[in-house]
Amino acid sequence: MKIRQLHYIHEVARRGLNITAAAEALFTSQPGVSKQIRLLEDELGVDIFVRNGKHLSEVTPAGARILEYAARVLHETENIKNVAQEFKDTDRGDLTVATTHTQARYALPPVITRFRQRYPRVALHLHQGSPPQIAKMAAEGEADFAIATEAIEHFEQLVMLPCYRWNRCVLVRPDHRLARESKLTLARLAEHPLITYTFGFTGRSKLDQAFAAHGLRHDVVLTAVDADVIKTYVRLGLGVGIVAEMAYDPDADKDLVRLPADHLFESSVTHIGFRRGLFLRSYMLDFITTFAPHLSRETVESVASISDAETRAAAAAKLLPRDLKRDG
């Protein structure tokens, strides 16, 4: 059995049993991948995949267990490389962060600037996607960290750490009726067409819950994953915008009226997550602390060492100071 063969079966499974796609991702040939899978199956004495002609149609029960262990071996192999690199060259390496547009656009720039100043020899890779997509990337080892507000807590194999609380604001054109409201209410807001985040992004669930809790029906006429897109359509007069407070720029958005909304909606919490068992290099721990100063190296390592997912989540929930908020 060779590590390369485990790479092959792992990648084939990740690519929906498409051997050609797996071969392209691994920079090798399709016949070479097929041959190595066959050799591994012959050595183990079981089929990992069910074949339909030349194509793979499904994973066998034995194959499912083998793939599970193969993923663990590959993760530990990567950890071994990271340990060696840590002792050989502490401040050189790669860091891949998967996150949402809102975090990448508004929360991360000052963090990445400070990090790059301290670690100029660390190559940063930033991937954007939906919360489930970025959580999956971290869980499968495609990304070191996942940063988001929604959905990533559902991945039990991730260590989730709370970074900061944030809330929303309402944006309208100066000629809009709500622009003169002294203190906005949910009832008044529900009278107007709304433009906000796509469900599953940037705390959208908290918004829907607030209206439902008051028995109010709200009319979301347009959704987007990008706050800048939401603001564009507010400027066109299509509706009232509800965005993360951090997405409002007093200079760039001076043509819009900002109305506070933290009294209307429950605050949301942004988390940073990483795969449990991942060897965290020094610069990775420093990235976490730069993003969330209350998450010290000792705190991160302590929570990550808790094996039970529920106990770990409960311990992590206590880490966020109640008054720690980020508005911009």
Protein backbone atom coordinates (compact mmCIF):
# COMPACT_ATOMS: atom_id res chain seq x y z
CA MET A 1 0.00 0.00 0.00
CA LYS A 2 1.32 3.40 -0.98
CA ILE A 3 0.38 6.90 0.15
CA ARG A 4 -0.06 7.78 -3.51
CA GLN A 5 -2.76 5.14 -3.88
CA LEU A 6 -4.63 6.60 -0.89
CA HIS A 7 -4.41 10.01 -2.55
CA TYR A 8 -5.94 8.54 -5.69
CA ILE A 9 -8.96 6.87 -4.05
CA HIS A 10 -9.54 9.94 -1.86
CA GLU A 11 -9.52 12.30 -4.83
CA VAL A 12 -11.73 10.03 -6.94
CA ALA A 13 -14.31 9.97 -4.15
CA ARG A 14 -14.10 13.77 -3.79
CA ARG A 15 -14.63 14.23 -7.54
CA GLY A 16 -17.90 12.29 -7.62
CA LEU A 17 -16.21 9.06 -8.79
CA ASN A 18 -14.95 10.84 -11.90
CA ILE A 19 -11.52 9.32 -12.55
CA THR A 20 -10.69 11.79 -15.32
CA ALA A 21 -11.40 14.78 -13.07
CA ALA A 22 -9.38 13.20 -10.27
CA ALA A 23 -6.44 12.56 -12.61
CA GLU A 24 -6.48 16.18 -13.76
CA ALA A 25 -6.52 17.42 -10.16
CA LEU A 26 -3.61 15.12 -9.33
CA PHE A 27 -1.66 16.06 -12.48
CA THR A 28 -1.46 12.48 -13.68
CA SER A 29 -3.11 10.25 -16.27
CA GLN A 30 -6.51 8.60 -16.05
CA PRO A 31 -5.13 5.11 -16.87
CA GLY A 32 -2.49 5.58 -14.17
CA VAL A 33 -5.14 6.36 -11.54
CA SER A 34 -7.29 3.40 -12.60
CA LYS A 35 -4.29 1.04 -12.47
CA GLN A 36 -3.24 2.17 -8.97
CA ILE A 37 -6.79 1.78 -7.64
CA ARG A 38 -6.92 -1.75 -9.06
CA LEU A 39 -3.55 -2.60 -7.50
CA LEU A 40 -4.73 -1.34 -4.12
CA GLU A 41 -7.97 -3.32 -4.35
CA ASP A 42 -6.03 -6.46 -5.31
CA GLU A 43 -3.68 -5.97 -2.36
CA LEU A 44 -6.56 -5.45 0.09
CA GLY A 45 -8.71 -8.20 -1.40
CA VAL A 46 -11.86 -6.06 -1.58
CA ASP A 47 -13.43 -3.67 -4.08
CA ILE A 48 -13.44 -0.04 -3.04
CA PHE A 49 -15.67 1.06 -5.91
CA VAL A 50 -18.51 -0.57 -7.86
CA ARG A 51 -17.86 -0.53 -11.60
CA ASN A 52 -20.32 -0.14 -14.43
CA GLY A 53 -18.28 -0.88 -17.52
CA LYS A 54 -15.34 1.53 -17.51
CA HIS A 55 -17.02 3.89 -15.05
CA LEU A 56 -17.30 3.89 -11.28
CA SER A 57 -20.91 3.96 -10.11
CA GLU A 58 -20.72 3.89 -6.30
CA VAL A 59 -18.57 3.23 -3.26
CA THR A 60 -18.79 -0.22 -1.70
CA PRO A 61 -19.48 -0.62 2.05
CA ALA A 62 -15.87 -1.72 2.54
CA GLY A 63 -14.74 1.17 0.36
CA ALA A 64 -16.58 3.68 2.54
CA ARG A 65 -14.64 2.54 5.60
CA ILE A 66 -11.37 2.44 3.68
CA LEU A 67 -11.92 5.98 2.41
CA GLU A 68 -12.59 7.16 5.95
CA TYR A 69 -9.28 5.78 7.16
CA ALA A 70 -7.47 6.96 4.02
CA ALA A 71 -8.57 10.53 4.75
CA ARG A 72 -7.19 10.24 8.27
CA VAL A 73 -3.86 8.91 7.00
CA LEU A 74 -3.59 11.72 4.45
CA HIS A 75 -4.38 14.33 7.09
CA GLU A 76 -1.73 12.89 9.41
CA THR A 77 0.74 12.78 6.53
CA GLU A 78 0.15 16.49 6.02
CA ASN A 79 0.63 17.06 9.76
CA ILE A 80 3.99 15.29 9.64
CA LYS A 81 5.10 17.61 6.84
CA ASN A 82 3.89 20.63 8.82
CA VAL A 83 5.75 19.55 11.96
CA ALA A 84 8.97 19.14 9.97
CA GLN A 85 8.48 22.51 8.28
CA GLU A 86 7.79 24.19 11.63
CA PHE A 87 11.17 23.11 12.97
CA LYS A 88 13.00 23.70 9.70
CA ASP A 89 11.58 27.09 8.72
CA THR A 90 9.19 28.63 11.27
CA ASP A 91 8.00 31.62 9.29
CA ARG A 92 7.69 30.12 5.81
CA GLY A 93 4.73 28.19 4.43
CA ASP A 94 1.19 28.48 3.12
CA LEU A 95 -2.08 29.49 4.74
CA THR A 96 -5.42 28.88 3.04
CA VAL A 97 -8.47 30.69 4.39
CA ALA A 98 -11.96 29.92 3.12
CA THR A 99 -14.51 32.59 3.90
CA THR A 100 -17.56 34.52 2.74
CA HIS A 101 -17.56 37.71 0.71
CA THR A 102 -18.53 39.85 3.71
CA GLN A 103 -15.61 38.60 5.81
CA ALA A 104 -13.14 38.85 2.91
CA ARG A 105 -14.28 42.34 1.94
CA TYR A 106 -14.85 44.00 5.32
CA ALA A 107 -13.40 42.05 8.27
CA LEU A 108 -10.19 40.48 6.95
CA PRO A 109 -8.26 43.27 5.14
CA PRO A 110 -6.66 44.82 8.27
CA VAL A 111 -6.00 41.35 9.68
CA ILE A 112 -4.28 40.15 6.52
CA THR A 113 -2.29 43.38 6.26
CA ARG A 114 -0.89 42.94 9.78
CA PHE A 115 -0.28 39.24 9.22
CA ARG A 116 1.61 39.84 5.97
CA GLN A 117 3.79 42.45 7.66
CA ARG A 118 4.78 39.90 10.28
CA TYR A 119 5.01 36.87 7.98
CA PRO A 120 6.11 38.05 4.53
CA ARG A 121 7.26 34.53 3.61
CA VAL A 122 3.87 32.92 4.20
CA ALA A 123 1.80 32.65 1.02
CA LEU A 124 -1.85 33.45 1.72
CA HIS A 125 -4.65 31.90 -0.31
CA LEU A 126 -8.16 33.29 0.10
CA HIS A 127 -11.15 31.29 -1.17
CA GLN A 128 -14.71 32.58 -1.12
CA GLY A 129 -17.90 30.56 -1.02
CA SER A 130 -21.08 29.83 0.89
CA PRO A 131 -20.75 28.85 4.58
CA PRO A 132 -21.40 25.13 3.86
CA GLN A 133 -18.87 25.20 1.03
CA ILE A 134 -16.11 26.77 3.11
CA ALA A 135 -16.83 24.52 6.09
CA LYS A 136 -16.51 21.50 3.80
CA MET A 137 -13.20 22.83 2.48
CA ALA A 138 -11.81 23.05 6.01
CA ALA A 139 -13.23 19.66 7.03
CA GLU A 140 -11.67 17.97 3.99
CA GLY A 141 -8.31 19.70 4.31
CA GLU A 142 -8.64 21.99 1.28
CA ALA A 143 -8.45 25.02 3.57
CA ASP A 144 -6.70 25.55 6.89
CA PHE A 145 -9.37 27.89 8.28
CA ALA A 146 -13.04 28.54 7.60
CA ILE A 147 -14.41 31.93 8.66
CA ALA A 148 -18.15 32.55 8.54
CA THR A 149 -21.27 33.28 10.56
CA GLU A 150 -23.77 30.69 9.37
CA ALA A 151 -23.83 26.90 9.06
CA ILE A 152 -20.22 25.97 9.85
CA GLU A 153 -21.11 24.89 13.40
CA HIS A 154 -22.87 21.85 11.91
CA PHE A 155 -19.55 20.21 11.00
CA GLU A 156 -18.59 18.21 14.10
CA GLN A 157 -15.08 17.50 12.83
CA LEU A 158 -14.29 21.21 12.96
CA VAL A 159 -13.05 23.08 16.01
CA MET A 160 -15.20 26.22 16.06
CA LEU A 161 -14.01 29.31 17.93
CA PRO A 162 -16.11 32.50 18.37
CA CYS A 163 -14.35 35.62 17.09
CA TYR A 164 -16.72 38.58 17.45
CA ARG A 165 -20.35 39.66 17.57
CA TRP A 166 -21.87 41.91 14.97
CA ASN A 167 -25.25 43.29 13.99
CA ARG A 168 -27.01 44.93 11.09
CA CYS A 169 -27.98 48.35 9.86
CA VAL A 170 -30.69 49.51 7.48
CA LEU A 171 -29.82 51.53 4.39
CA VAL A 172 -32.23 53.74 2.45
CA ARG A 173 -32.05 56.56 -0.06
CA PRO A 174 -32.31 60.09 1.39
CA ASP A 175 -35.72 60.54 -0.25
CA HIS A 176 -37.15 57.35 1.30
CA ARG A 177 -39.90 57.64 3.93
CA LEU A 178 -37.86 55.70 6.47
CA ALA A 179 -34.94 58.13 6.21
CA ARG A 180 -36.66 60.41 8.74
CA GLU A 181 -37.47 57.67 11.29
CA SER A 182 -36.01 58.49 14.72
CA LYS A 183 -36.15 54.87 15.90
CA LEU A 184 -37.01 52.18 13.41
CA THR A 185 -39.40 49.35 14.30
CA LEU A 186 -39.80 45.92 12.72
CA ALA A 187 -43.44 46.74 11.91
CA ARG A 188 -42.41 49.82 9.93
CA LEU A 189 -39.64 47.89 8.21
CA ALA A 190 -42.05 45.11 7.21
CA GLU A 191 -44.13 47.66 5.28
CA HIS A 192 -41.40 48.03 2.65
CA PRO A 193 -39.74 45.73 0.11
CA LEU A 194 -36.43 44.48 1.50
CA ILE A 195 -33.06 43.78 -0.09
CA THR A 196 -30.70 41.64 1.95
CA TYR A 197 -28.42 38.62 2.02
CA THR A 198 -29.17 35.28 0.43
CA PHE A 199 -30.39 32.73 2.97
CA GLY A 200 -27.46 30.94 4.58
CA PHE A 201 -25.15 33.95 4.26
CA THR A 202 -24.11 36.64 6.72
CA GLY A 203 -26.57 35.98 9.51
CA ARG A 204 -29.66 35.97 7.30
CA SER A 205 -31.40 33.45 9.59
CA LYS A 206 -31.41 35.96 12.49
CA LEU A 207 -33.24 38.46 10.31
CA ASP A 208 -35.98 36.00 9.34
CA GLN A 209 -36.32 34.85 12.95
CA ALA A 210 -36.87 38.40 14.19
CA PHE A 211 -39.84 39.01 11.89
CA ALA A 212 -41.32 35.58 12.62
CA ALA A 213 -41.04 36.12 16.39
CA HIS A 214 -43.21 39.25 16.07
CA GLY A 215 -45.71 37.61 13.75
CA LEU A 216 -44.72 39.89 10.88
CA ARG A 217 -44.51 38.99 7.20
CA HIS A 218 -41.63 40.62 5.40
CA ASP A 219 -41.19 40.93 1.66
CA VAL A 220 -37.64 40.21 0.49
CA VAL A 221 -37.67 41.26 -3.16
CA LEU A 222 -33.98 40.74 -3.91
CA THR A 223 -31.13 38.81 -2.28
CA ALA A 224 -27.39 38.77 -2.85
CA VAL A 225 -24.27 37.43 -1.17
CA ASP A 226 -22.47 40.74 -1.68
CA ALA A 227 -23.31 43.84 0.41
CA ASP A 228 -22.07 46.08 -2.40
CA VAL A 229 -24.67 44.55 -4.71
CA ILE A 230 -27.37 45.12 -2.09
CA LYS A 231 -26.37 48.78 -1.81
CA THR A 232 -26.43 49.16 -5.59
CA TYR A 233 -30.09 48.15 -5.76
CA VAL A 234 -30.98 50.31 -2.77
CA ARG A 235 -29.56 53.25 -4.73
CA LEU A 236 -31.78 52.26 -7.65
CA GLY A 237 -34.82 52.50 -5.39
CA LEU A 238 -35.78 48.83 -5.47
CA GLY A 239 -36.16 48.58 -1.71
CA VAL A 240 -34.72 48.96 1.78
CA GLY A 241 -31.32 47.38 2.36
CA ILE A 242 -30.35 45.36 5.43
CA VAL A 243 -26.62 44.68 5.62
CA ALA A 244 -23.95 43.89 8.17
CA GLU A 245 -22.96 47.03 10.10
CA MET A 246 -19.35 46.49 9.04
CA ALA A 247 -20.41 46.77 5.38
CA TYR A 248 -21.42 50.41 5.75
CA ASP A 249 -18.68 52.87 4.80
CA PRO A 250 -19.45 56.48 5.87
CA ASP A 251 -17.40 57.85 2.99
CA ALA A 252 -18.25 55.48 0.14
CA ASP A 253 -21.90 55.26 1.18
CA LYS A 254 -22.53 58.89 2.07
CA ASP A 255 -25.32 58.99 -0.53
CA LEU A 256 -27.30 56.54 1.61
CA VAL A 257 -28.95 57.04 5.00
CA ARG A 258 -27.89 54.52 7.65
CA LEU A 259 -30.43 53.56 10.30
CA PRO A 260 -29.30 51.57 13.38
CA ALA A 261 -30.93 48.16 13.64
CA ASP A 262 -29.15 46.49 16.54
CA HIS A 263 -32.31 46.91 18.64
CA LEU A 264 -34.32 44.97 16.05
CA PHE A 265 -32.20 41.91 15.48
CA GLU A 266 -30.26 39.52 17.70
CA SER A 267 -26.54 39.84 17.16
CA SER A 268 -24.68 37.20 15.17
CA VAL A 269 -21.33 35.61 15.95
CA THR A 270 -18.58 35.02 13.42
CA HIS A 271 -16.48 31.89 14.01
CA ILE A 272 -13.16 30.61 12.78
CA GLY A 273 -12.99 26.86 12.31
CA PHE A 274 -10.29 24.31 11.56
CA ARG A 275 -10.20 20.54 11.27
CA ARG A 276 -9.69 18.81 14.59
CA GLY A 277 -6.29 17.12 14.60
CA LEU A 278 -4.74 19.71 12.28
CA PHE A 279 -1.22 20.60 13.38
CA LEU A 280 -1.32 24.35 13.85
CA ARG A 281 1.94 25.99 12.91
CA SER A 282 3.04 29.08 14.84
CA TYR A 283 1.95 31.46 12.11
CA MET A 284 -1.48 29.79 11.97
CA LEU A 285 -1.98 30.39 15.69
CA ASP A 286 -0.82 33.97 15.23
CA PHE A 287 -3.35 34.46 12.44
CA ILE A 288 -6.15 33.38 14.79
CA THR A 289 -4.93 35.75 17.52
CA THR A 290 -4.60 38.61 15.03
CA PHE A 291 -8.19 38.06 13.92
CA ALA A 292 -9.55 37.48 17.45
CA PRO A 293 -7.13 38.70 20.17
CA HIS A 294 -9.04 36.93 22.97
CA LEU A 295 -8.16 33.57 21.37
CA SER A 296 -4.67 33.02 22.73
CA ARG A 297 -2.46 30.14 21.65
CA GLU A 298 -3.13 28.34 24.95
CA THR A 299 -6.90 28.85 24.63
CA VAL A 300 -7.01 27.53 21.06
CA GLU A 301 -4.95 24.45 21.89
CA SER A 302 -7.01 23.76 25.02
CA VAL A 303 -10.35 23.78 23.19
CA ALA A 304 -8.94 21.83 20.23
CA SER A 305 -7.84 19.05 22.59
CA ILE A 306 -11.45 18.31 23.67
CA SER A 307 -12.59 15.21 21.76
CA ASP A 308 -16.35 15.36 22.38
CA ALA A 309 -17.99 17.79 19.94
CA GLU A 310 -20.71 19.01 22.34
CA THR A 311 -18.28 19.55 25.21
CA ARG A 312 -15.90 21.34 22.86
CA ALA A 313 -18.68 23.61 21.56
CA ALA A 314 -19.79 24.46 25.10
CA ALA A 315 -16.23 25.36 26.09
CA ALA A 316 -15.78 27.49 22.96
CA ALA A 317 -19.04 29.37 23.56
CA LYS A 318 -17.66 30.71 26.86
CA LEU A 319 -14.65 32.30 25.18
CA LEU A 320 -16.35 35.32 23.61
CA PRO A 321 -16.53 38.39 25.89
CA ARG A 322 -20.12 39.68 26.00
CA ASP A 323 -19.10 43.20 25.07
CA LEU A 324 -16.89 42.24 22.13
CA LYS A 325 -18.55 43.64 19.01
CA ARG A 326 -17.30 44.66 15.59
CA ASP A 327 -19.11 47.40 13.70
CA GLY A 328 -16.54 48.22 11.13
